[in-house]
Amino acid sequence: MSIPALNNTGVVYRRILSQFPQDISLAFAYGSGVFKQQGTNQGQMGKNMLDFVFAVDDPVTWHTMNLLQNRKHYSILKLLGPTTISSVQNDHGASVYYNTLVPVDGRIIKYGVIGTECLIDDLMHWKTMYVAGRLHKPVKMLLQNENGKLRAALVANLKSAVTASFLMLPESFTEEDLFMQIAGLSYAGDFRMVIGEDKSKVANIVKDNIQHFRILYSNILRDCPQVVYRSQQGQLEVDKSPEGQFIQLMALPRTLQQRITKLVDPPGKNRDVEEILLQVAQDPDCGAVVQQGISSIVKTSSITQSIKGIATAGLWKTVSYSSKKLMKMWKGWRRKPSVSQMS
């Protein structure tokens, strides 16, 4: 099974992609410039910044070529050369290097570069949940090569999002409840949701994109033995027995299991993961523990990646980008009474 690409990548995206070195294993576009969100119209979408992520097999070579083609995209770090840029990318934050507020082909874009192996690691184990979290939500797939390991990791990431959400939801819930939970995973613990992001962001993402979420998750939900999925009614029932929750906990990504263990196991006890997860499965607050574990992953990566962003974007672009985010947050507050609140 491969991740479903949304129809019609569009000439706009192909033209933008053609401006970059072509040695890319995966490219996708995401965000409010790509998918309609509640409270925005088509005219506003056309003005919004387009967000991209490019996965590349060899970051040093890719940045070498990109510095030749698009030197102006980089901050002062370009003076340090492609090897240092790649080190900044791989060794700090969430292993993504962002160039932001870049004019390309009549649009303003932001693009992140991540090594293919780092992406696979995040998708499989939720090491930072930074790019993995973006891929929990609908994205516009622009390019995907025949890397079987990467394809399997993309599907594993979606399955993990479903499993984690099941643990945090009640026994019966709607499709929209599930998609709201999934969309909110990568914002749990993100300090930018306190300052700099529209508080209604999760609801805005889901409300106008239910069909895109269905395309992404319907096969996984139909094949999952632990849920009764009534797709016609948009209703689901999940196994909330201790046995069912234990199976779900054992299927979670490795980093999340480690964070949960750290939260529950007193220092010095050193019990094995299976024993601790068995205890958590029987705890009435199991969902809250999973939520805390996810928050601790997201909090760390959102802070470290944002600090790194100051160096990769440069101070002026950072101030400009942050002010746009704050304006969006302010508009979200003003809209709040008319927007359905997150449950």
C-alpha atoms as a PDB file:
ATOM      1  CA  MET A   1       0.000   0.000   0.000  1.00  0.00           C
ATOM      2  CA  SER A   2       1.349   3.418  -0.892  1.00  0.00           C
ATOM      3  CA  ILE A   3       0.278   6.757   0.514  1.00  0.00           C
ATOM      4  CA  PRO A   4      -2.436   8.182  -1.739  1.00  0.00           C
ATOM      5  CA  ALA A   5      -1.333  11.233  -3.720  1.00  0.00           C
ATOM      6  CA  LEU A   6      -4.058  13.832  -4.086  1.00  0.00           C
ATOM      7  CA  ASN A   7      -5.147  14.404  -7.667  1.00  0.00           C
ATOM      8  CA  ASN A   8      -3.779  17.159  -9.905  1.00  0.00           C
ATOM      9  CA  THR A   9      -0.405  18.305  -8.656  1.00  0.00           C
ATOM     10  CA  GLY A  10      -0.963  21.361 -10.846  1.00  0.00           C
ATOM     11  CA  VAL A  11       1.315  23.330 -13.079  1.00  0.00           C
ATOM     12  CA  VAL A  12       2.046  25.890 -10.295  1.00  0.00           C
ATOM     13  CA  TYR A  13       3.730  23.220  -8.164  1.00  0.00           C
ATOM     14  CA  ARG A  14       5.567  21.628 -11.093  1.00  0.00           C
ATOM     15  CA  ARG A  15       6.952  24.997 -12.147  1.00  0.00           C
ATOM     16  CA  ILE A  16       8.182  25.723  -8.612  1.00  0.00           C
ATOM     17  CA  LEU A  17       9.686  22.237  -8.269  1.00  0.00           C
ATOM     18  CA  SER A  18      11.577  22.705 -11.555  1.00  0.00           C
ATOM     19  CA  GLN A  19      13.537  25.580  -9.950  1.00  0.00           C
ATOM     20  CA  PHE A  20      15.339  23.142  -7.600  1.00  0.00           C
ATOM     21  CA  PRO A  21      17.943  20.366  -7.979  1.00  0.00           C
ATOM     22  CA  GLN A  22      16.044  17.279  -9.111  1.00  0.00           C
ATOM     23  CA  ASP A  23      17.720  14.722  -6.827  1.00  0.00           C
ATOM     24  CA  ILE A  24      14.660  14.539  -4.527  1.00  0.00           C
ATOM     25  CA  SER A  25      13.208  11.281  -3.124  1.00  0.00           C
ATOM     26  CA  LEU A  26       9.969  12.871  -1.854  1.00  0.00           C
ATOM     27  CA  ALA A  27       8.412  16.307  -2.276  1.00  0.00           C
ATOM     28  CA  PHE A  28       5.137  17.537  -0.889  1.00  0.00           C
ATOM     29  CA  ALA A  29       3.289  20.816  -0.380  1.00  0.00           C
ATOM     30  CA  TYR A  30       1.160  21.497   2.686  1.00  0.00           C
ATOM     31  CA  GLY A  31      -0.600  24.193   4.688  1.00  0.00           C
ATOM     32  CA  SER A  32      -3.148  26.929   4.139  1.00  0.00           C
ATOM     33  CA  GLY A  33      -1.747  27.906   0.735  1.00  0.00           C
ATOM     34  CA  VAL A  34      -2.499  24.390  -0.548  1.00  0.00           C
ATOM     35  CA  PHE A  35      -5.665  23.241   1.246  1.00  0.00           C
ATOM     36  CA  LYS A  36      -8.661  25.423   1.992  1.00  0.00           C
ATOM     37  CA  GLN A  37      -9.099  26.027   5.720  1.00  0.00           C
ATOM     38  CA  GLN A  38     -12.205  27.267   7.469  1.00  0.00           C
ATOM     39  CA  GLY A  39     -12.269  31.069   7.524  1.00  0.00           C
ATOM     40  CA  THR A  40     -10.235  31.498   4.306  1.00  0.00           C
ATOM     41  CA  ASN A  41     -11.474  31.928   0.747  1.00  0.00           C
ATOM     42  CA  GLN A  42      -9.860  31.061  -2.593  1.00  0.00           C
ATOM     43  CA  GLY A  43      -8.561  34.638  -2.991  1.00  0.00           C
ATOM     44  CA  GLN A  44      -6.757  34.503   0.363  1.00  0.00           C
ATOM     45  CA  MET A  45      -5.374  31.034  -0.451  1.00  0.00           C
ATOM     46  CA  GLY A  46      -3.724  32.444  -3.558  1.00  0.00           C
ATOM     47  CA  LYS A  47      -1.879  34.994  -1.400  1.00  0.00           C
ATOM     48  CA  ASN A  48      -0.820  32.579   1.355  1.00  0.00           C
ATOM     49  CA  MET A  49       2.753  31.326   1.476  1.00  0.00           C
ATOM     50  CA  LEU A  50       3.240  27.866  -0.068  1.00  0.00           C
ATOM     51  CA  ASP A  51       5.000  25.387   2.230  1.00  0.00           C
ATOM     52  CA  PHE A  52       7.122  22.530   0.861  1.00  0.00           C
ATOM     53  CA  VAL A  53       9.244  19.700   2.238  1.00  0.00           C
ATOM     54  CA  PHE A  54      11.908  17.993   0.104  1.00  0.00           C
ATOM     55  CA  ALA A  55      13.506  14.718   1.216  1.00  0.00           C
ATOM     56  CA  VAL A  56      16.941  14.180  -0.332  1.00  0.00           C
ATOM     57  CA  ASP A  57      19.271  11.176  -0.200  1.00  0.00           C
ATOM     58  CA  ASP A  58      22.477  13.219  -0.018  1.00  0.00           C
ATOM     59  CA  PRO A  59      21.986  16.620   1.698  1.00  0.00           C
ATOM     60  CA  VAL A  60      25.566  17.837   1.071  1.00  0.00           C
ATOM     61  CA  THR A  61      25.302  17.272  -2.695  1.00  0.00           C
ATOM     62  CA  TRP A  62      21.767  18.720  -2.825  1.00  0.00           C
ATOM     63  CA  HIS A  63      22.747  21.905  -0.957  1.00  0.00           C
ATOM     64  CA  THR A  64      25.877  22.232  -3.147  1.00  0.00           C
ATOM     65  CA  MET A  65      23.676  22.229  -6.253  1.00  0.00           C
ATOM     66  CA  ASN A  66      21.017  24.448  -4.669  1.00  0.00           C
ATOM     67  CA  LEU A  67      23.619  27.025  -3.601  1.00  0.00           C
ATOM     68  CA  LEU A  68      24.678  27.232  -7.264  1.00  0.00           C
ATOM     69  CA  GLN A  69      21.066  27.552  -8.504  1.00  0.00           C
ATOM     70  CA  ASN A  70      19.409  29.465  -5.654  1.00  0.00           C
ATOM     71  CA  ARG A  71      22.105  31.121  -3.531  1.00  0.00           C
ATOM     72  CA  LYS A  72      19.802  34.021  -2.586  1.00  0.00           C
ATOM     73  CA  HIS A  73      17.406  31.656  -0.798  1.00  0.00           C
ATOM     74  CA  TYR A  74      19.938  31.127   2.024  1.00  0.00           C
ATOM     75  CA  SER A  75      20.761  33.274   5.031  1.00  0.00           C
ATOM     76  CA  ILE A  76      24.330  34.275   5.924  1.00  0.00           C
ATOM     77  CA  LEU A  77      24.975  30.548   6.572  1.00  0.00           C
ATOM     78  CA  LYS A  78      25.590  30.215   2.811  1.00  0.00           C
ATOM     79  CA  LEU A  79      29.068  31.668   3.466  1.00  0.00           C
ATOM     80  CA  LEU A  80      29.911  28.560   5.501  1.00  0.00           C
ATOM     81  CA  GLY A  81      29.249  26.210   2.568  1.00  0.00           C
ATOM     82  CA  PRO A  82      27.133  23.086   1.934  1.00  0.00           C
ATOM     83  CA  THR A  83      28.870  20.787   4.438  1.00  0.00           C
ATOM     84  CA  THR A  84      28.159  23.142   7.357  1.00  0.00           C
ATOM     85  CA  ILE A  85      24.606  23.758   6.115  1.00  0.00           C
ATOM     86  CA  SER A  86      24.055  19.972   6.048  1.00  0.00           C
ATOM     87  CA  SER A  87      25.481  19.638   9.562  1.00  0.00           C
ATOM     88  CA  VAL A  88      23.111  22.351  10.806  1.00  0.00           C
ATOM     89  CA  GLN A  89      20.301  20.469   9.056  1.00  0.00           C
ATOM     90  CA  ASN A  90      21.088  16.992  10.417  1.00  0.00           C
ATOM     91  CA  ASP A  91      22.497  17.654  13.871  1.00  0.00           C
ATOM     92  CA  HIS A  92      20.121  20.254  15.337  1.00  0.00           C
ATOM     93  CA  GLY A  93      16.380  20.657  15.884  1.00  0.00           C
ATOM     94  CA  ALA A  94      14.231  18.261  13.866  1.00  0.00           C
ATOM     95  CA  SER A  95      16.837  17.519  11.141  1.00  0.00           C
ATOM     96  CA  VAL A  96      15.139  19.920   8.713  1.00  0.00           C
ATOM     97  CA  TYR A  97      16.751  22.961   7.063  1.00  0.00           C
ATOM     98  CA  TYR A  98      14.206  25.665   6.142  1.00  0.00           C
ATOM     99  CA  ASN A  99      14.588  28.528   3.707  1.00  0.00           C
ATOM    100  CA  THR A 100      11.623  30.866   4.211  1.00  0.00           C
ATOM    101  CA  LEU A 101       9.938  33.867   2.517  1.00  0.00           C
ATOM    102  CA  VAL A 102      11.503  32.918  -0.815  1.00  0.00           C
ATOM    103  CA  PRO A 103       9.987  34.434  -3.997  1.00  0.00           C
ATOM    104  CA  VAL A 104       9.652  31.729  -6.685  1.00  0.00           C
ATOM    105  CA  ASP A 105       7.631  32.013  -9.877  1.00  0.00           C
ATOM    106  CA  GLY A 106       5.337  34.752  -8.575  1.00  0.00           C
ATOM    107  CA  ARG A 107       4.611  33.093  -5.209  1.00  0.00           C
ATOM    108  CA  ILE A 108       6.236  33.334  -1.765  1.00  0.00           C
ATOM    109  CA  ILE A 109       7.342  29.923  -0.535  1.00  0.00           C
ATOM    110  CA  LYS A 110       9.020  28.236   2.402  1.00  0.00           C
ATOM    111  CA  TYR A 111      10.817  24.934   1.870  1.00  0.00           C
ATOM    112  CA  GLY A 112      12.366  22.465   4.276  1.00  0.00           C
ATOM    113  CA  VAL A 113      15.072  19.981   3.323  1.00  0.00           C
ATOM    114  CA  ILE A 114      15.439  16.704   5.237  1.00  0.00           C
ATOM    115  CA  GLY A 115      17.643  13.666   4.613  1.00  0.00           C
ATOM    116  CA  THR A 116      15.661  10.636   3.402  1.00  0.00           C
ATOM    117  CA  GLU A 117      17.032   8.431   6.216  1.00  0.00           C
ATOM    118  CA  CYS A 118      16.172  11.091   8.842  1.00  0.00           C
ATOM    119  CA  LEU A 119      12.637  11.276   7.427  1.00  0.00           C
ATOM    120  CA  ILE A 120      12.233   7.473   7.545  1.00  0.00           C
ATOM    121  CA  ASP A 121      13.473   7.498  11.160  1.00  0.00           C
ATOM    122  CA  ASP A 122      10.917  10.177  12.136  1.00  0.00           C
ATOM    123  CA  LEU A 123       8.066   8.401  10.313  1.00  0.00           C
ATOM    124  CA  MET A 124       8.850   5.029  11.906  1.00  0.00           C
ATOM    125  CA  HIS A 125       9.832   6.088  15.434  1.00  0.00           C
ATOM    126  CA  TRP A 126       8.450   9.642  15.926  1.00  0.00           C
ATOM    127  CA  LYS A 127      11.888  10.828  16.994  1.00  0.00           C
ATOM    128  CA  THR A 128      10.785  14.473  16.627  1.00  0.00           C
ATOM    129  CA  MET A 129       7.289  14.162  15.054  1.00  0.00           C
ATOM    130  CA  TYR A 130       8.162  17.292  13.083  1.00  0.00           C
ATOM    131  CA  VAL A 131       7.781  16.111   9.491  1.00  0.00           C
ATOM    132  CA  ALA A 132       5.933  12.937  10.573  1.00  0.00           C
ATOM    133  CA  GLY A 133       3.285  15.189  12.164  1.00  0.00           C
ATOM    134  CA  ARG A 134       2.820  17.181   8.973  1.00  0.00           C
ATOM    135  CA  LEU A 135       2.247  13.901   7.145  1.00  0.00           C
ATOM    136  CA  HIS A 136      -0.556  12.916   9.542  1.00  0.00           C
ATOM    137  CA  LYS A 137      -2.620  15.536   7.714  1.00  0.00           C
ATOM    138  CA  PRO A 138      -3.486  15.721   4.009  1.00  0.00           C
ATOM    139  CA  VAL A 139      -0.603  16.953   1.867  1.00  0.00           C
ATOM    140  CA  LYS A 140      -0.198  17.406  -1.868  1.00  0.00           C
ATOM    141  CA  MET A 141       2.325  14.789  -2.975  1.00  0.00           C
ATOM    142  CA  LEU A 142       4.364  16.230  -5.824  1.00  0.00           C
ATOM    143  CA  LEU A 143       7.063  13.618  -6.268  1.00  0.00           C
ATOM    144  CA  GLN A 144       7.802  10.234  -4.728  1.00  0.00           C
ATOM    145  CA  ASN A 145      10.488   7.850  -5.961  1.00  0.00           C
ATOM    146  CA  GLU A 146      10.460   4.057  -5.768  1.00  0.00           C
ATOM    147  CA  ASN A 147      12.093   3.818  -2.312  1.00  0.00           C
ATOM    148  CA  GLY A 148      10.198   0.867  -0.760  1.00  0.00           C
ATOM    149  CA  LYS A 149      11.515   1.631   2.728  1.00  0.00           C
ATOM    150  CA  LEU A 150      10.199   5.208   2.510  1.00  0.00           C
ATOM    151  CA  ARG A 151       6.798   4.071   1.184  1.00  0.00           C
ATOM    152  CA  ALA A 152       6.427   1.585   4.060  1.00  0.00           C
ATOM    153  CA  ALA A 153       7.437   4.285   6.574  1.00  0.00           C
ATOM    154  CA  LEU A 154       4.786   6.705   5.221  1.00  0.00           C
ATOM    155  CA  VAL A 155       2.065   4.107   5.792  1.00  0.00           C
ATOM    156  CA  ALA A 156       3.471   3.123   9.233  1.00  0.00           C
ATOM    157  CA  ASN A 157       3.289   6.794  10.277  1.00  0.00           C
ATOM    158  CA  LEU A 158      -0.430   6.984   9.398  1.00  0.00           C
ATOM    159  CA  LYS A 159      -1.125   3.737  11.291  1.00  0.00           C
ATOM    160  CA  SER A 160       0.713   5.116  14.341  1.00  0.00           C
ATOM    161  CA  ALA A 161      -1.394   8.303  14.217  1.00  0.00           C
ATOM    162  CA  VAL A 162      -4.577   6.197  14.239  1.00  0.00           C
ATOM    163  CA  THR A 163      -3.341   3.984  17.099  1.00  0.00           C
ATOM    164  CA  ALA A 164      -2.270   6.927  19.297  1.00  0.00           C
ATOM    165  CA  SER A 165      -5.602   8.668  18.636  1.00  0.00           C
ATOM    166  CA  PHE A 166      -7.604   5.538  19.535  1.00  0.00           C
ATOM    167  CA  LEU A 167      -5.902   5.535  22.946  1.00  0.00           C
ATOM    168  CA  MET A 168      -6.958   9.145  23.576  1.00  0.00           C
ATOM    169  CA  LEU A 169     -10.573   8.833  22.372  1.00  0.00           C
ATOM    170  CA  PRO A 170     -13.595   7.264  24.120  1.00  0.00           C
ATOM    171  CA  GLU A 171     -15.058   3.895  23.079  1.00  0.00           C
ATOM    172  CA  SER A 172     -17.429   5.446  20.486  1.00  0.00           C
ATOM    173  CA  PHE A 173     -16.679   8.504  18.367  1.00  0.00           C
ATOM    174  CA  THR A 174     -17.205  10.053  14.943  1.00  0.00           C
ATOM    175  CA  GLU A 175     -14.867  10.307  11.969  1.00  0.00           C
ATOM    176  CA  GLU A 176     -14.545  14.029  12.641  1.00  0.00           C
ATOM    177  CA  ASP A 177     -13.550  13.325  16.288  1.00  0.00           C
ATOM    178  CA  LEU A 178     -10.837  10.972  15.024  1.00  0.00           C
ATOM    179  CA  PHE A 179      -9.528  13.373  12.382  1.00  0.00           C
ATOM    180  CA  MET A 180      -9.479  16.252  14.906  1.00  0.00           C
ATOM    181  CA  GLN A 181      -7.458  14.050  17.277  1.00  0.00           C
ATOM    182  CA  ILE A 182      -5.044  13.014  14.510  1.00  0.00           C
ATOM    183  CA  ALA A 183      -4.612  16.588  13.219  1.00  0.00           C
ATOM    184  CA  GLY A 184      -3.914  17.790  16.775  1.00  0.00           C
ATOM    185  CA  LEU A 185      -1.170  15.249  17.557  1.00  0.00           C
ATOM    186  CA  SER A 186       1.681  17.343  16.171  1.00  0.00           C
ATOM    187  CA  TYR A 187       0.425  20.503  17.951  1.00  0.00           C
ATOM    188  CA  ALA A 188       0.285  18.906  21.426  1.00  0.00           C
ATOM    189  CA  GLY A 189       3.046  20.585  23.432  1.00  0.00           C
ATOM    190  CA  ASP A 190       4.046  22.909  20.555  1.00  0.00           C
ATOM    191  CA  PHE A 191       4.984  26.208  22.209  1.00  0.00           C
ATOM    192  CA  ARG A 192       3.962  28.032  19.005  1.00  0.00           C
ATOM    193  CA  MET A 193       0.329  27.174  19.812  1.00  0.00           C
ATOM    194  CA  VAL A 194       0.693  29.390  22.894  1.00  0.00           C
ATOM    195  CA  ILE A 195       2.075  32.300  20.891  1.00  0.00           C
ATOM    196  CA  GLY A 196       2.246  32.572  17.118  1.00  0.00           C
ATOM    197  CA  GLU A 197      -0.443  30.180  15.887  1.00  0.00           C
ATOM    198  CA  ASP A 198      -4.188  30.544  15.380  1.00  0.00           C
ATOM    199  CA  LYS A 199      -5.786  28.647  18.305  1.00  0.00           C
ATOM    200  CA  SER A 200      -8.561  27.311  16.021  1.00  0.00           C
ATOM    201  CA  LYS A 201      -5.922  25.843  13.693  1.00  0.00           C
ATOM    202  CA  VAL A 202      -6.825  22.162  14.170  1.00  0.00           C
ATOM    203  CA  ALA A 203     -10.554  22.766  13.640  1.00  0.00           C
ATOM    204  CA  ASN A 204      -9.781  24.931  10.594  1.00  0.00           C
ATOM    205  CA  ILE A 205      -7.630  22.173   9.059  1.00  0.00           C
ATOM    206  CA  VAL A 206     -10.218  19.403   9.555  1.00  0.00           C
ATOM    207  CA  LYS A 207     -13.589  21.080   8.898  1.00  0.00           C
ATOM    208  CA  ASP A 208     -13.097  21.760   5.180  1.00  0.00           C
ATOM    209  CA  ASN A 209     -10.923  18.719   4.483  1.00  0.00           C
ATOM    210  CA  ILE A 210     -12.870  15.723   5.836  1.00  0.00           C
ATOM    211  CA  GLN A 211     -12.828  14.080   2.390  1.00  0.00           C
ATOM    212  CA  HIS A 212      -9.029  14.423   2.139  1.00  0.00           C
ATOM    213  CA  PHE A 213      -8.659  12.817   5.584  1.00  0.00           C
ATOM    214  CA  ARG A 214     -10.920   9.939   4.432  1.00  0.00           C
ATOM    215  CA  ILE A 215      -8.707   9.361   1.371  1.00  0.00           C
ATOM    216  CA  LEU A 216      -5.708   9.152   3.701  1.00  0.00           C
ATOM    217  CA  TYR A 217      -7.160   6.922   6.429  1.00  0.00           C
ATOM    218  CA  SER A 218     -10.144   4.888   5.165  1.00  0.00           C
ATOM    219  CA  ASN A 219      -8.112   1.802   4.105  1.00  0.00           C
ATOM    220  CA  ILE A 220      -6.216   1.743   7.406  1.00  0.00           C
ATOM    221  CA  LEU A 221      -9.468   2.001   9.400  1.00  0.00           C
ATOM    222  CA  ARG A 222     -11.144  -0.739   7.329  1.00  0.00           C
ATOM    223  CA  ASP A 223      -8.173  -3.094   7.807  1.00  0.00           C
ATOM    224  CA  CYS A 224      -7.728  -2.436  11.545  1.00  0.00           C
ATOM    225  CA  PRO A 225      -8.979  -5.413  13.637  1.00  0.00           C
ATOM    226  CA  GLN A 226      -9.485  -3.283  16.766  1.00  0.00           C
ATOM    227  CA  VAL A 227     -12.110  -0.931  15.420  1.00  0.00           C
ATOM    228  CA  VAL A 228     -15.631  -1.216  14.060  1.00  0.00           C
ATOM    229  CA  TYR A 229     -15.751   1.372  11.259  1.00  0.00           C
ATOM    230  CA  ARG A 230     -19.194   2.274   9.937  1.00  0.00           C
ATOM    231  CA  SER A 231     -18.029   4.453   7.067  1.00  0.00           C
ATOM    232  CA  GLN A 232     -21.542   5.220   5.776  1.00  0.00           C
ATOM    233  CA  GLN A 233     -22.538   6.713   9.160  1.00  0.00           C
ATOM    234  CA  GLY A 234     -19.065   8.096   9.910  1.00  0.00           C
ATOM    235  CA  GLN A 235     -19.091   6.264  13.272  1.00  0.00           C
ATOM    236  CA  LEU A 236     -16.370   4.204  14.959  1.00  0.00           C
ATOM    237  CA  GLU A 237     -16.097   1.958  18.005  1.00  0.00           C
ATOM    238  CA  VAL A 238     -12.713   0.938  19.406  1.00  0.00           C
ATOM    239  CA  ASP A 239     -11.625  -1.769  21.847  1.00  0.00           C
ATOM    240  CA  LYS A 240     -11.015  -0.012  25.190  1.00  0.00           C
ATOM    241  CA  SER A 241     -10.389  -3.179  27.233  1.00  0.00           C
ATOM    242  CA  PRO A 242      -6.980  -3.378  29.000  1.00  0.00           C
ATOM    243  CA  GLU A 243      -6.018  -6.111  26.505  1.00  0.00           C
ATOM    244  CA  GLY A 244      -7.015  -3.920  23.546  1.00  0.00           C
ATOM    245  CA  GLN A 245      -5.169  -0.902  24.933  1.00  0.00           C
ATOM    246  CA  PHE A 246      -2.063  -3.006  25.603  1.00  0.00           C
ATOM    247  CA  ILE A 247      -1.982  -4.141  21.943  1.00  0.00           C
ATOM    248  CA  GLN A 248      -2.303  -0.487  20.864  1.00  0.00           C
ATOM    249  CA  LEU A 249       0.426   0.691  23.259  1.00  0.00           C
ATOM    250  CA  MET A 250       2.784  -2.034  22.005  1.00  0.00           C
ATOM    251  CA  ALA A 251       2.182  -0.824  18.422  1.00  0.00           C
ATOM    252  CA  LEU A 252       3.149   2.806  19.173  1.00  0.00           C
ATOM    253  CA  PRO A 253       6.394   4.234  17.742  1.00  0.00           C
ATOM    254  CA  ARG A 254       9.508   3.516  19.795  1.00  0.00           C
ATOM    255  CA  THR A 255      10.223   7.108  20.936  1.00  0.00           C
ATOM    256  CA  LEU A 256       6.675   7.515  22.232  1.00  0.00           C
ATOM    257  CA  GLN A 257       6.904   4.215  24.141  1.00  0.00           C
ATOM    258  CA  GLN A 258      10.155   5.456  25.711  1.00  0.00           C
ATOM    259  CA  ARG A 259       8.571   8.791  26.735  1.00  0.00           C
ATOM    260  CA  ILE A 260       5.578   6.994  28.280  1.00  0.00           C
ATOM    261  CA  THR A 261       7.917   4.673  30.191  1.00  0.00           C
ATOM    262  CA  LYS A 262       9.872   7.643  31.505  1.00  0.00           C
ATOM    263  CA  LEU A 263       6.651   9.295  32.709  1.00  0.00           C
ATOM    264  CA  VAL A 264       5.359   6.203  34.509  1.00  0.00           C
ATOM    265  CA  ASP A 265       8.420   4.326  35.771  1.00  0.00           C
ATOM    266  CA  PRO A 266      10.050   5.754  38.911  1.00  0.00           C
ATOM    267  CA  PRO A 267      13.803   6.425  38.542  1.00  0.00           C
ATOM    268  CA  GLY A 268      15.967   3.446  39.456  1.00  0.00           C
ATOM    269  CA  LYS A 269      13.270   0.807  38.963  1.00  0.00           C
ATOM    270  CA  ASN A 270      14.321  -0.053  35.391  1.00  0.00           C
ATOM    271  CA  ARG A 271      11.404  -2.300  34.496  1.00  0.00           C
ATOM    272  CA  ASP A 272      11.125  -3.431  30.884  1.00  0.00           C
ATOM    273  CA  VAL A 273       8.909  -1.523  28.458  1.00  0.00           C
ATOM    274  CA  GLU A 274       6.352  -4.326  28.078  1.00  0.00           C
ATOM    275  CA  GLU A 275       5.745  -4.504  31.841  1.00  0.00           C
ATOM    276  CA  ILE A 276       5.249  -0.730  32.097  1.00  0.00           C
ATOM    277  CA  LEU A 277       2.895  -0.568  29.085  1.00  0.00           C
ATOM    278  CA  LEU A 278       0.831  -3.401  30.597  1.00  0.00           C
ATOM    279  CA  GLN A 279       0.414  -1.228  33.707  1.00  0.00           C
ATOM    280  CA  VAL A 280      -0.531   1.832  31.590  1.00  0.00           C
ATOM    281  CA  ALA A 281      -3.100  -0.232  29.631  1.00  0.00           C
ATOM    282  CA  GLN A 282      -5.018  -0.861  32.871  1.00  0.00           C
ATOM    283  CA  ASP A 283      -4.866   2.775  34.003  1.00  0.00           C
ATOM    284  CA  PRO A 284      -8.097   4.799  33.549  1.00  0.00           C
ATOM    285  CA  ASP A 285      -5.831   7.739  32.613  1.00  0.00           C
ATOM    286  CA  CYS A 286      -4.099   5.762  29.836  1.00  0.00           C
ATOM    287  CA  GLY A 287      -5.089   8.340  27.169  1.00  0.00           C
ATOM    288  CA  ALA A 288      -3.746  11.240  29.237  1.00  0.00           C
ATOM    289  CA  VAL A 289      -0.394   9.446  29.659  1.00  0.00           C
ATOM    290  CA  VAL A 290      -0.139   8.931  25.876  1.00  0.00           C
ATOM    291  CA  GLN A 291      -1.012  12.621  25.374  1.00  0.00           C
ATOM    292  CA  GLN A 292       1.755  13.653  27.801  1.00  0.00           C
ATOM    293  CA  GLY A 293       4.251  11.439  25.985  1.00  0.00           C
ATOM    294  CA  ILE A 294       3.389  13.014  22.627  1.00  0.00           C
ATOM    295  CA  SER A 295       3.530  16.531  24.114  1.00  0.00           C
ATOM    296  CA  SER A 296       7.037  15.922  25.443  1.00  0.00           C
ATOM    297  CA  ILE A 297       8.296  14.892  21.962  1.00  0.00           C
ATOM    298  CA  VAL A 298       6.624  17.831  20.188  1.00  0.00           C
ATOM    299  CA  LYS A 299       7.642  20.427  22.793  1.00  0.00           C
ATOM    300  CA  THR A 300      11.344  19.573  22.470  1.00  0.00           C
ATOM    301  CA  SER A 301      11.431  19.535  18.663  1.00  0.00           C
ATOM    302  CA  SER A 302       9.275  22.668  18.214  1.00  0.00           C
ATOM    303  CA  ILE A 303      11.546  24.720  20.477  1.00  0.00           C
ATOM    304  CA  THR A 304      14.872  23.467  19.067  1.00  0.00           C
ATOM    305  CA  GLN A 305      13.704  23.725  15.437  1.00  0.00           C
ATOM    306  CA  SER A 306      12.400  27.284  15.999  1.00  0.00           C
ATOM    307  CA  ILE A 307      15.736  28.360  17.512  1.00  0.00           C
ATOM    308  CA  LYS A 308      17.504  26.800  14.517  1.00  0.00           C
ATOM    309  CA  GLY A 309      15.088  28.686  12.232  1.00  0.00           C
ATOM    310  CA  ILE A 310      16.543  32.023  13.386  1.00  0.00           C
ATOM    311  CA  ALA A 311      19.938  30.994  11.960  1.00  0.00           C
ATOM    312  CA  THR A 312      18.630  29.380   8.766  1.00  0.00           C
ATOM    313  CA  ALA A 313      16.164  32.165   7.921  1.00  0.00           C
ATOM    314  CA  GLY A 314      18.191  35.109   9.194  1.00  0.00           C
ATOM    315  CA  LEU A 315      16.950  37.667  11.723  1.00  0.00           C
ATOM    316  CA  TRP A 316      14.973  39.905   9.334  1.00  0.00           C
ATOM    317  CA  LYS A 317      13.035  37.008   7.780  1.00  0.00           C
ATOM    318  CA  THR A 318      12.416  35.510  11.240  1.00  0.00           C
ATOM    319  CA  VAL A 319      10.857  38.786  12.475  1.00  0.00           C
ATOM    320  CA  SER A 320       8.801  39.129   9.272  1.00  0.00           C
ATOM    321  CA  TYR A 321       7.586  35.486   9.367  1.00  0.00           C
ATOM    322  CA  SER A 322       6.759  35.640  13.096  1.00  0.00           C
ATOM    323  CA  SER A 323       4.766  38.862  12.684  1.00  0.00           C
ATOM    324  CA  LYS A 324       2.652  37.199   9.957  1.00  0.00           C
ATOM    325  CA  LYS A 325       1.962  34.258  12.329  1.00  0.00           C
ATOM    326  CA  LEU A 326       0.956  36.628  15.136  1.00  0.00           C
ATOM    327  CA  MET A 327      -1.398  38.480  12.773  1.00  0.00           C
ATOM    328  CA  LYS A 328      -2.988  35.144  11.822  1.00  0.00           C
ATOM    329  CA  MET A 329      -3.408  34.305  15.517  1.00  0.00           C
ATOM    330  CA  TRP A 330      -5.048  37.689  16.144  1.00  0.00           C
ATOM    331  CA  LYS A 331      -7.491  37.141  13.255  1.00  0.00           C
ATOM    332  CA  GLY A 332      -8.259  33.676  14.692  1.00  0.00           C
ATOM    333  CA  TRP A 333      -9.134  35.209  18.068  1.00  0.00           C
ATOM    334  CA  ARG A 334     -11.434  37.742  16.411  1.00  0.00           C
ATOM    335  CA  ARG A 335     -13.168  34.980  14.432  1.00  0.00           C
ATOM    336  CA  LYS A 336     -13.520  32.671  17.432  1.00  0.00           C
ATOM    337  CA  PRO A 337     -17.241  33.113  18.238  1.00  0.00           C
ATOM    338  CA  SER A 338     -18.230  32.010  14.726  1.00  0.00           C
ATOM    339  CA  VAL A 339     -15.877  29.034  14.513  1.00  0.00           C
ATOM    340  CA  SER A 340     -16.913  25.639  15.869  1.00  0.00           C
ATOM    341  CA  GLN A 341     -14.753  24.982  18.890  1.00  0.00           C
ATOM    342  CA  MET A 342     -12.539  21.951  19.208  1.00  0.00           C
ATOM    343  CA  SER A 343     -14.093  19.274  21.339  1.00  0.00           C
END
